[in-house]
Full PDB file with SEQRES, HELIX, SHEET, SSBOND, CRYST1, ORIGX, SCALE, CONECT and MASTER records, all heavy atoms in Angstrom:
SEQRES   1 A   37  VAL ILE PRO PRO GLY GLU ASN PRO LYS LYS PRO GLY SER          
SEQRES   2 A   37  PRO HIS ASN VAL ARG LEU TYR SER ILE ALA SER THR ARG          
SEQRES   3 A   37  TYR GLY ASP ASN PHE ASP GLY LYS THR ALA SER                  
SHEET    1 AA1 2 GLU A   6  ASN A   7  0                                        
SHEET    2 AA1 2 LYS A  10  PRO A  14 -1                                        
CRYST1    1.000    1.000    1.000  90.00  90.00  90.00 P 1           1          
ORIGX1      1.000000  0.000000  0.000000        0.00000                         
ORIGX2      0.000000  1.000000  0.000000        0.00000                         
ORIGX3      0.000000  0.000000  1.000000        0.00000                         
SCALE1      1.000000  0.000000  0.000000        0.00000                         
SCALE2      0.000000  1.000000  0.000000        0.00000                         
SCALE3      0.000000  0.000000  1.000000        0.00000                         
ATOM      1  N   VAL A   1      16.697 -30.190   4.778  1.00  0.00           N  
ATOM      2  CA  VAL A   1      16.857 -31.532   5.334  1.00  0.00           C  
ATOM      3  C   VAL A   1      16.071 -32.514   4.476  1.00  0.00           C  
ATOM      4  O   VAL A   1      14.909 -32.259   4.133  1.00  0.00           O  
ATOM      5  CB  VAL A   1      16.366 -31.603   6.798  1.00  0.00           C  
ATOM      6  CG1 VAL A   1      16.462 -33.043   7.335  1.00  0.00           C  
ATOM      7  CG2 VAL A   1      17.165 -30.645   7.682  1.00  0.00           C  
ATOM      8  N   ILE A   2      16.717 -33.615   4.098  1.00  0.00           N  
ATOM      9  CA  ILE A   2      16.045 -34.678   3.339  1.00  0.00           C  
ATOM     10  C   ILE A   2      15.851 -35.866   4.278  1.00  0.00           C  
ATOM     11  O   ILE A   2      16.820 -36.553   4.625  1.00  0.00           O  
ATOM     12  CB  ILE A   2      16.871 -35.105   2.115  1.00  0.00           C  
ATOM     13  CG1 ILE A   2      17.162 -33.895   1.217  1.00  0.00           C  
ATOM     14  CG2 ILE A   2      16.146 -36.194   1.331  1.00  0.00           C  
ATOM     15  CD1 ILE A   2      18.077 -34.206   0.043  1.00  0.00           C  
ATOM     16  N   PRO A   3      14.621 -36.124   4.720  1.00  0.00           N  
ATOM     17  CA  PRO A   3      14.398 -37.259   5.629  1.00  0.00           C  
ATOM     18  C   PRO A   3      14.615 -38.583   4.909  1.00  0.00           C  
ATOM     19  O   PRO A   3      14.481 -38.658   3.679  1.00  0.00           O  
ATOM     20  CB  PRO A   3      12.940 -37.083   6.056  1.00  0.00           C  
ATOM     21  CG  PRO A   3      12.303 -36.321   4.940  1.00  0.00           C  
ATOM     22  CD  PRO A   3      13.369 -35.419   4.392  1.00  0.00           C  
ATOM     23  N   PRO A   4      14.977 -39.630   5.630  1.00  0.00           N  
ATOM     24  CA  PRO A   4      15.193 -40.933   4.988  1.00  0.00           C  
ATOM     25  C   PRO A   4      13.884 -41.524   4.477  1.00  0.00           C  
ATOM     26  O   PRO A   4      12.798 -41.148   4.923  1.00  0.00           O  
ATOM     27  CB  PRO A   4      15.782 -41.780   6.119  1.00  0.00           C  
ATOM     28  CG  PRO A   4      15.302 -41.128   7.375  1.00  0.00           C  
ATOM     29  CD  PRO A   4      15.220 -39.673   7.076  1.00  0.00           C  
ATOM     30  N   GLY A   5      14.001 -42.443   3.535  1.00  0.00           N  
ATOM     31  CA  GLY A   5      12.817 -43.101   2.993  1.00  0.00           C  
ATOM     32  C   GLY A   5      12.455 -42.601   1.612  1.00  0.00           C  
ATOM     33  O   GLY A   5      13.113 -41.719   1.044  1.00  0.00           O  
ATOM     34  N   GLU A   6      11.394 -43.183   1.072  1.00  0.00           N  
ATOM     35  CA  GLU A   6      10.933 -42.833  -0.280  1.00  0.00           C  
ATOM     36  C   GLU A   6       9.817 -41.806  -0.238  1.00  0.00           C  
ATOM     37  O   GLU A   6       9.018 -41.751   0.704  1.00  0.00           O  
ATOM     38  CB  GLU A   6      10.421 -44.087  -1.003  1.00  0.00           C  
ATOM     39  CG  GLU A   6      11.496 -45.043  -1.458  1.00  0.00           C  
ATOM     40  CD  GLU A   6      10.920 -46.134  -2.366  1.00  0.00           C  
ATOM     41  OE1 GLU A   6       9.695 -46.133  -2.591  1.00  0.00           O  
ATOM     42  OE2 GLU A   6      11.694 -46.965  -2.849  1.00  0.00           O  
ATOM     43  N   ASN A   7       9.768 -41.014  -1.279  1.00  0.00           N  
ATOM     44  CA  ASN A   7       8.676 -40.068  -1.456  1.00  0.00           C  
ATOM     45  C   ASN A   7       7.440 -40.845  -1.897  1.00  0.00           C  
ATOM     46  O   ASN A   7       7.442 -41.460  -2.965  1.00  0.00           O  
ATOM     47  CB  ASN A   7       9.061 -39.033  -2.528  1.00  0.00           C  
ATOM     48  CG  ASN A   7       8.051 -37.922  -2.645  1.00  0.00           C  
ATOM     49  OD1 ASN A   7       6.871 -38.095  -2.360  1.00  0.00           O  
ATOM     50  ND2 ASN A   7       8.520 -36.771  -3.111  1.00  0.00           N  
ATOM     51  N   PRO A   8       6.378 -40.861  -1.097  1.00  0.00           N  
ATOM     52  CA  PRO A   8       5.196 -41.659  -1.460  1.00  0.00           C  
ATOM     53  C   PRO A   8       4.545 -41.232  -2.772  1.00  0.00           C  
ATOM     54  O   PRO A   8       3.879 -42.028  -3.421  1.00  0.00           O  
ATOM     55  CB  PRO A   8       4.247 -41.441  -0.275  1.00  0.00           C  
ATOM     56  CG  PRO A   8       4.705 -40.172   0.365  1.00  0.00           C  
ATOM     57  CD  PRO A   8       6.169 -40.125   0.153  1.00  0.00           C  
ATOM     58  N   LYS A   9       4.773 -39.990  -3.155  1.00  0.00           N  
ATOM     59  CA  LYS A   9       4.191 -39.511  -4.407  1.00  0.00           C  
ATOM     60  C   LYS A   9       5.095 -39.814  -5.606  1.00  0.00           C  
ATOM     61  O   LYS A   9       4.663 -39.693  -6.744  1.00  0.00           O  
ATOM     62  CB  LYS A   9       3.925 -38.001  -4.322  1.00  0.00           C  
ATOM     63  CG  LYS A   9       2.889 -37.636  -3.257  1.00  0.00           C  
ATOM     64  CD  LYS A   9       2.655 -36.136  -3.209  1.00  0.00           C  
ATOM     65  CE  LYS A   9       1.619 -35.770  -2.146  1.00  0.00           C  
ATOM     66  NZ  LYS A   9       1.406 -34.308  -2.072  1.00  0.00           N  
ATOM     67  N   LYS A  10       6.352 -40.177  -5.313  1.00  0.00           N  
ATOM     68  CA  LYS A  10       7.305 -40.512  -6.378  1.00  0.00           C  
ATOM     69  C   LYS A  10       8.090 -41.751  -5.957  1.00  0.00           C  
ATOM     70  O   LYS A  10       9.232 -41.647  -5.483  1.00  0.00           O  
ATOM     71  CB  LYS A  10       8.259 -39.342  -6.639  1.00  0.00           C  
ATOM     72  CG  LYS A  10       7.584 -38.075  -7.132  1.00  0.00           C  
ATOM     73  CD  LYS A  10       8.624 -36.968  -7.329  1.00  0.00           C  
ATOM     74  CE  LYS A  10       7.980 -35.664  -7.794  1.00  0.00           C  
ATOM     75  NZ  LYS A  10       8.981 -34.580  -7.942  1.00  0.00           N  
ATOM     76  N   PRO A  11       7.500 -42.927  -6.082  1.00  0.00           N  
ATOM     77  CA  PRO A  11       8.165 -44.167  -5.660  1.00  0.00           C  
ATOM     78  C   PRO A  11       9.561 -44.297  -6.273  1.00  0.00           C  
ATOM     79  O   PRO A  11       9.757 -44.028  -7.462  1.00  0.00           O  
ATOM     80  CB  PRO A  11       7.232 -45.260  -6.177  1.00  0.00           C  
ATOM     81  CG  PRO A  11       5.888 -44.602  -6.229  1.00  0.00           C  
ATOM     82  CD  PRO A  11       6.148 -43.189  -6.640  1.00  0.00           C  
ATOM     83  N   GLY A  12      10.509 -44.647  -5.429  1.00  0.00           N  
ATOM     84  CA  GLY A  12      11.892 -44.785  -5.877  1.00  0.00           C  
ATOM     85  C   GLY A  12      12.707 -43.520  -5.746  1.00  0.00           C  
ATOM     86  O   GLY A  12      13.922 -43.538  -5.914  1.00  0.00           O  
ATOM     87  N   SER A  13      12.032 -42.406  -5.428  1.00  0.00           N  
ATOM     88  CA  SER A  13      12.726 -41.116  -5.270  1.00  0.00           C  
ATOM     89  C   SER A  13      12.771 -40.719  -3.793  1.00  0.00           C  
ATOM     90  O   SER A  13      11.891 -41.112  -3.012  1.00  0.00           O  
ATOM     91  CB  SER A  13      12.007 -40.019  -6.060  1.00  0.00           C  
ATOM     92  OG  SER A  13      11.992 -40.317  -7.439  1.00  0.00           O  
ATOM     93  N   PRO A  14      13.770 -39.954  -3.406  1.00  0.00           N  
ATOM     94  CA  PRO A  14      13.839 -39.507  -2.007  1.00  0.00           C  
ATOM     95  C   PRO A  14      12.762 -38.475  -1.708  1.00  0.00           C  
ATOM     96  O   PRO A  14      12.140 -37.915  -2.611  1.00  0.00           O  
ATOM     97  CB  PRO A  14      15.236 -38.894  -1.905  1.00  0.00           C  
ATOM     98  CG  PRO A  14      15.563 -38.464  -3.303  1.00  0.00           C  
ATOM     99  CD  PRO A  14      14.912 -39.480  -4.204  1.00  0.00           C  
ATOM    100  N   HIS A  15      12.554 -38.226  -0.438  1.00  0.00           N  
ATOM    101  CA  HIS A  15      11.612 -37.184  -0.012  1.00  0.00           C  
ATOM    102  C   HIS A  15      12.081 -35.816  -0.501  1.00  0.00           C  
ATOM    103  O   HIS A  15      13.266 -35.607  -0.777  1.00  0.00           O  
ATOM    104  CB  HIS A  15      11.503 -37.152   1.512  1.00  0.00           C  
ATOM    105  CG  HIS A  15      10.692 -38.263   2.091  1.00  0.00           C  
ATOM    106  ND1 HIS A  15       9.323 -38.306   1.997  1.00  0.00           N  
ATOM    107  CD2 HIS A  15      11.065 -39.367   2.773  1.00  0.00           C  
ATOM    108  CE1 HIS A  15       8.879 -39.393   2.605  1.00  0.00           C  
ATOM    109  NE2 HIS A  15       9.912 -40.065   3.084  1.00  0.00           N  
ATOM    110  N   ASN A  16      11.138 -34.916  -0.604  1.00  0.00           N  
ATOM    111  CA  ASN A  16      11.477 -33.537  -0.939  1.00  0.00           C  
ATOM    112  C   ASN A  16      12.244 -32.886   0.211  1.00  0.00           C  
ATOM    113  O   ASN A  16      12.137 -33.298   1.376  1.00  0.00           O  
ATOM    114  CB  ASN A  16      10.211 -32.726  -1.223  1.00  0.00           C  
ATOM    115  CG  ASN A  16       9.501 -33.190  -2.477  1.00  0.00           C  
ATOM    116  OD1 ASN A  16      10.130 -33.732  -3.398  1.00  0.00           O  
ATOM    117  ND2 ASN A  16       8.196 -32.995  -2.533  1.00  0.00           N  
ATOM    118  N   VAL A  17      12.992 -31.846  -0.116  1.00  0.00           N  
ATOM    119  CA  VAL A  17      13.748 -31.099   0.890  1.00  0.00           C  
ATOM    120  C   VAL A  17      12.799 -30.268   1.741  1.00  0.00           C  
ATOM    121  O   VAL A  17      11.880 -29.639   1.233  1.00  0.00           O  
ATOM    122  CB  VAL A  17      14.776 -30.172   0.213  1.00  0.00           C  
ATOM    123  CG1 VAL A  17      15.442 -29.261   1.229  1.00  0.00           C  
ATOM    124  CG2 VAL A  17      15.824 -30.989  -0.533  1.00  0.00           C  
ATOM    125  N   ARG A  18      13.013 -30.284   3.046  1.00  0.00           N  
ATOM    126  CA  ARG A  18      12.292 -29.394   3.966  1.00  0.00           C  
ATOM    127  C   ARG A  18      13.275 -28.352   4.476  1.00  0.00           C  
ATOM    128  O   ARG A  18      14.374 -28.684   4.915  1.00  0.00           O  
ATOM    129  CB  ARG A  18      11.746 -30.165   5.163  1.00  0.00           C  
ATOM    130  CG  ARG A  18      10.364 -30.750   4.959  1.00  0.00           C  
ATOM    131  CD  ARG A  18      10.345 -31.951   4.058  1.00  0.00           C  
ATOM    132  NE  ARG A  18       9.079 -32.700   4.207  1.00  0.00           N  
ATOM    133  CZ  ARG A  18       8.798 -33.814   3.546  1.00  0.00           C  
ATOM    134  NH1 ARG A  18       9.683 -34.295   2.664  1.00  0.00           N  
ATOM    135  NH2 ARG A  18       7.668 -34.436   3.738  1.00  0.00           N  
ATOM    136  N   LEU A  19      12.887 -27.081   4.433  1.00  0.00           N  
ATOM    137  CA  LEU A  19      13.771 -26.000   4.873  1.00  0.00           C  
ATOM    138  C   LEU A  19      13.535 -25.659   6.343  1.00  0.00           C  
ATOM    139  O   LEU A  19      12.394 -25.578   6.800  1.00  0.00           O  
ATOM    140  CB  LEU A  19      13.551 -24.746   4.025  1.00  0.00           C  
ATOM    141  CG  LEU A  19      14.032 -24.801   2.573  1.00  0.00           C  
ATOM    142  CD1 LEU A  19      13.697 -23.494   1.863  1.00  0.00           C  
ATOM    143  CD2 LEU A  19      15.532 -25.071   2.499  1.00  0.00           C  
ATOM    144  N   TYR A  20      14.635 -25.449   7.061  1.00  0.00           N  
ATOM    145  CA  TYR A  20      14.565 -25.047   8.464  1.00  0.00           C  
ATOM    146  C   TYR A  20      15.529 -23.885   8.703  1.00  0.00           C  
ATOM    147  O   TYR A  20      16.706 -23.945   8.330  1.00  0.00           O  
ATOM    148  CB  TYR A  20      14.966 -26.214   9.388  1.00  0.00           C  
ATOM    149  CG  TYR A  20      13.961 -27.350   9.390  1.00  0.00           C  
ATOM    150  CD1 TYR A  20      14.110 -28.428   8.525  1.00  0.00           C  
ATOM    151  CD2 TYR A  20      12.866 -27.327  10.241  1.00  0.00           C  
ATOM    152  CE1 TYR A  20      13.187 -29.465   8.515  1.00  0.00           C  
ATOM    153  CE2 TYR A  20      11.935 -28.367  10.241  1.00  0.00           C  
ATOM    154  CZ  TYR A  20      12.109 -29.425   9.384  1.00  0.00           C  
ATOM    155  OH  TYR A  20      11.184 -30.452   9.368  1.00  0.00           O  
ATOM    156  N   SER A  21      15.020 -22.830   9.331  1.00  0.00           N  
ATOM    157  CA  SER A  21      15.879 -21.704   9.695  1.00  0.00           C  
ATOM    158  C   SER A  21      16.911 -22.174  10.711  1.00  0.00           C  
ATOM    159  O   SER A  21      16.588 -22.903  11.647  1.00  0.00           O  
ATOM    160  CB  SER A  21      15.050 -20.573  10.310  1.00  0.00           C  
ATOM    161  OG  SER A  21      14.127 -20.061   9.367  1.00  0.00           O  
ATOM    162  N   ILE A  22      18.144 -21.744  10.531  1.00  0.00           N  
ATOM    163  CA  ILE A  22      19.214 -22.139  11.442  1.00  0.00           C  
ATOM    164  C   ILE A  22      19.135 -21.285  12.713  1.00  0.00           C  
ATOM    165  O   ILE A  22      18.985 -20.069  12.655  1.00  0.00           O  
ATOM    166  CB  ILE A  22      20.582 -21.988  10.765  1.00  0.00           C  
ATOM    167  CG1 ILE A  22      20.649 -22.919   9.542  1.00  0.00           C  
ATOM    168  CG2 ILE A  22      21.713 -22.314  11.742  1.00  0.00           C  
ATOM    169  CD1 ILE A  22      21.881 -22.723   8.678  1.00  0.00           C  
ATOM    170  N   ALA A  23      19.232 -21.955  13.861  1.00  0.00           N  
ATOM    171  CA  ALA A  23      19.026 -21.298  15.154  1.00  0.00           C  
ATOM    172  C   ALA A  23      20.328 -21.027  15.895  1.00  0.00           C  
ATOM    173  O   ALA A  23      20.329 -20.900  17.122  1.00  0.00           O  
ATOM    174  CB  ALA A  23      18.098 -22.152  16.028  1.00  0.00           C  
ATOM    175  N   SER A  24      21.430 -20.959  15.173  1.00  0.00           N  
ATOM    176  CA  SER A  24      22.724 -20.703  15.814  1.00  0.00           C  
ATOM    177  C   SER A  24      23.509 -19.719  14.958  1.00  0.00           C  
ATOM    178  O   SER A  24      23.146 -19.453  13.812  1.00  0.00           O  
ATOM    179  CB  SER A  24      23.513 -22.013  15.976  1.00  0.00           C  
ATOM    180  OG  SER A  24      23.582 -22.720  14.745  1.00  0.00           O  
ATOM    181  N   THR A  25      24.586 -19.190  15.507  1.00  0.00           N  
ATOM    182  CA  THR A  25      25.479 -18.359  14.710  1.00  0.00           C  
ATOM    183  C   THR A  25      26.326 -19.270  13.828  1.00  0.00           C  
ATOM    184  O   THR A  25      26.291 -20.496  13.959  1.00  0.00           O  
ATOM    185  CB  THR A  25      26.427 -17.523  15.586  1.00  0.00           C  
ATOM    186  OG1 THR A  25      27.401 -18.394  16.167  1.00  0.00           O  
ATOM    187  CG2 THR A  25      25.676 -16.795  16.695  1.00  0.00           C  
ATOM    188  N   ARG A  26      27.120 -18.668  12.976  1.00  0.00           N  
ATOM    189  CA  ARG A  26      27.989 -19.442  12.080  1.00  0.00           C  
ATOM    190  C   ARG A  26      28.996 -20.303  12.852  1.00  0.00           C  
ATOM    191  O   ARG A  26      29.563 -21.232  12.300  1.00  0.00           O  
ATOM    192  CB  ARG A  26      28.708 -18.500  11.122  1.00  0.00           C  
ATOM    193  CG  ARG A  26      29.697 -17.563  11.773  1.00  0.00           C  
ATOM    194  CD  ARG A  26      30.130 -16.450  10.843  1.00  0.00           C  
ATOM    195  NE  ARG A  26      29.053 -15.504  10.577  1.00  0.00           N  
ATOM    196  CZ  ARG A  26      29.146 -14.498   9.723  1.00  0.00           C  
ATOM    197  NH1 ARG A  26      30.279 -14.301   9.042  1.00  0.00           N  
ATOM    198  NH2 ARG A  26      28.123 -13.679   9.535  1.00  0.00           N  
ATOM    199  N   TYR A  27      29.190 -19.975  14.133  1.00  0.00           N  
ATOM    200  CA  TYR A  27      30.131 -20.753  14.946  1.00  0.00           C  
ATOM    201  C   TYR A  27      29.459 -21.935  15.649  1.00  0.00           C  
ATOM    202  O   TYR A  27      30.144 -22.781  16.223  1.00  0.00           O  
ATOM    203  CB  TYR A  27      30.807 -19.842  15.975  1.00  0.00           C  
ATOM    204  CG  TYR A  27      31.624 -18.756  15.314  1.00  0.00           C  
ATOM    205  CD1 TYR A  27      31.121 -17.470  15.176  1.00  0.00           C  
ATOM    206  CD2 TYR A  27      32.877 -19.034  14.776  1.00  0.00           C  
ATOM    207  CE1 TYR A  27      31.856 -16.479  14.537  1.00  0.00           C  
ATOM    208  CE2 TYR A  27      33.620 -18.057  14.131  1.00  0.00           C  
ATOM    209  CZ  TYR A  27      33.104 -16.784  14.014  1.00  0.00           C  
ATOM    210  OH  TYR A  27      33.828 -15.809  13.363  1.00  0.00           O  
ATOM    211  N   GLY A  28      28.135 -21.993  15.610  1.00  0.00           N  
ATOM    212  CA  GLY A  28      27.429 -23.114  16.209  1.00  0.00           C  
ATOM    213  C   GLY A  28      27.396 -23.065  17.721  1.00  0.00           C  
ATOM    214  O   GLY A  28      28.040 -22.223  18.357  1.00  0.00           O  
ATOM    215  N   ASP A  29      26.667 -23.989  18.317  1.00  0.00           N  
ATOM    216  CA  ASP A  29      26.532 -24.006  19.773  1.00  0.00           C  
ATOM    217  C   ASP A  29      27.826 -24.391  20.482  1.00  0.00           C  
ATOM    218  O   ASP A  29      27.973 -24.146  21.683  1.00  0.00           O  
ATOM    219  CB  ASP A  29      25.416 -24.972  20.188  1.00  0.00           C  
ATOM    220  CG  ASP A  29      24.030 -24.388  19.946  1.00  0.00           C  
ATOM    221  OD1 ASP A  29      23.939 -23.307  19.334  1.00  0.00           O  
ATOM    222  OD2 ASP A  29      23.042 -25.015  20.358  1.00  0.00           O  
ATOM    223  N   ASN A  30      28.751 -25.017  19.777  1.00  0.00           N  
ATOM    224  CA  ASN A  30      30.041 -25.367  20.377  1.00  0.00           C  
ATOM    225  C   ASN A  30      31.115 -24.329  20.088  1.00  0.00           C  
ATOM    226  O   ASN A  30      32.271 -24.509  20.486  1.00  0.00           O  
ATOM    227  CB  ASN A  30      30.505 -26.743  19.874  1.00  0.00           C  
ATOM    228  CG  ASN A  30      29.604 -27.860  20.346  1.00  0.00           C  
ATOM    229  OD1 ASN A  30      28.921 -27.732  21.366  1.00  0.00           O  
ATOM    230  ND2 ASN A  30      29.585 -28.964  19.622  1.00  0.00           N  
ATOM    231  N   PHE A  31      30.750 -23.276  19.362  1.00  0.00           N  
ATOM    232  CA  PHE A  31      31.631 -22.131  19.100  1.00  0.00           C  
ATOM    233  C   PHE A  31      32.884 -22.487  18.302  1.00  0.00           C  
ATOM    234  O   PHE A  31      33.881 -21.756  18.352  1.00  0.00           O  
ATOM    235  CB  PHE A  31      32.037 -21.447  20.423  1.00  0.00           C  
ATOM    236  CG  PHE A  31      30.879 -21.142  21.323  1.00  0.00           C  
ATOM    237  CD1 PHE A  31      30.653 -21.879  22.477  1.00  0.00           C  
ATOM    238  CD2 PHE A  31      29.985 -20.128  21.012  1.00  0.00           C  
ATOM    239  CE1 PHE A  31      29.567 -21.615  23.298  1.00  0.00           C  
ATOM    240  CE2 PHE A  31      28.894 -19.844  21.821  1.00  0.00           C  
ATOM    241  CZ  PHE A  31      28.687 -20.588  22.968  1.00  0.00           C  
ATOM    242  N   ASP A  32      32.831 -23.583  17.549  1.00  0.00           N  
ATOM    243  CA  ASP A  32      34.016 -24.005  16.787  1.00  0.00           C  
ATOM    244  C   ASP A  32      33.784 -24.035  15.279  1.00  0.00           C  
ATOM    245  O   ASP A  32      34.635 -24.501  14.522  1.00  0.00           O  
ATOM    246  CB  ASP A  32      34.489 -25.387  17.256  1.00  0.00           C  
ATOM    247  CG  ASP A  32      33.433 -26.471  17.064  1.00  0.00           C  
ATOM    248  OD1 ASP A  32      32.332 -26.175  16.528  1.00  0.00           O  
ATOM    249  OD2 ASP A  32      33.700 -27.627  17.469  1.00  0.00           O  
ATOM    250  N   GLY A  33      32.625 -23.541  14.838  1.00  0.00           N  
ATOM    251  CA  GLY A  33      32.338 -23.480  13.411  1.00  0.00           C  
ATOM    252  C   GLY A  33      32.013 -24.815  12.775  1.00  0.00           C  
ATOM    253  O   GLY A  33      31.971 -24.924  11.544  1.00  0.00           O  
ATOM    254  N   LYS A  34      31.726 -25.834  13.577  1.00  0.00           N  
ATOM    255  CA  LYS A  34      31.499 -27.167  13.026  1.00  0.00           C  
ATOM    256  C   LYS A  34      30.081 -27.702  13.223  1.00  0.00           C  
ATOM    257  O   LYS A  34      29.768 -28.805  12.774  1.00  0.00           O  
ATOM    258  CB  LYS A  34      32.500 -28.157  13.644  1.00  0.00           C  
ATOM    259  CG  LYS A  34      33.942 -27.855  13.273  1.00  0.00           C  
ATOM    260  CD  LYS A  34      34.909 -28.860  13.893  1.00  0.00           C  
ATOM    261  CE  LYS A  34      36.342 -28.542  13.500  1.00  0.00           C  
ATOM    262  NZ  LYS A  34      37.309 -29.501  14.096  1.00  0.00           N  
ATOM    263  N   THR A  35      29.230 -26.938  13.904  1.00  0.00           N  
ATOM    264  CA  THR A  35      27.860 -27.403  14.110  1.00  0.00           C  
ATOM    265  C   THR A  35      26.852 -26.331  13.702  1.00  0.00           C  
ATOM    266  O   THR A  35      27.190 -25.146  13.577  1.00  0.00           O  
ATOM    267  CB  THR A  35      27.589 -27.791  15.577  1.00  0.00           C  
ATOM    268  OG1 THR A  35      27.595 -26.602  16.395  1.00  0.00           O  
ATOM    269  CG2 THR A  35      28.599 -28.796  16.094  1.00  0.00           C  
ATOM    270  N   ALA A  36      25.624 -26.771  13.495  1.00  0.00           N  
ATOM    271  CA  ALA A  36      24.486 -25.879  13.277  1.00  0.00           C  
ATOM    272  C   ALA A  36      23.334 -26.410  14.110  1.00  0.00           C  
ATOM    273  O   ALA A  36      23.254 -27.617  14.369  1.00  0.00           O  
ATOM    274  CB  ALA A  36      24.100 -25.837  11.799  1.00  0.00           C  
ATOM    275  N   SER A  37      22.447 -25.518  14.528  1.00  0.00           N  
ATOM    276  CA  SER A  37      21.311 -25.937  15.349  1.00  0.00           C  
ATOM    277  C   SER A  37      19.997 -25.605  14.656  1.00  0.00           C  
ATOM    278  O   SER A  37      19.875 -24.569  14.002  1.00  0.00           O  
ATOM    279  CB  SER A  37      21.367 -25.257  16.722  1.00  0.00           C  
ATOM    280  OG  SER A  37      22.549 -25.615  17.398  1.00  0.00           O  
TER     281      SER A  37                                                      
MASTER        0    0    0    0    2    0    0    6  280    1    0    3          
END                                                                             
């Protein structure tokens, strides 16, 4: 996930990527394959 805003350590650049483990199956909470949690 890349949060909005600038990276304070690199003015003009986006924030670094933060990794988050996905908490759903490949079908997502709506069971249609279109979401992730």
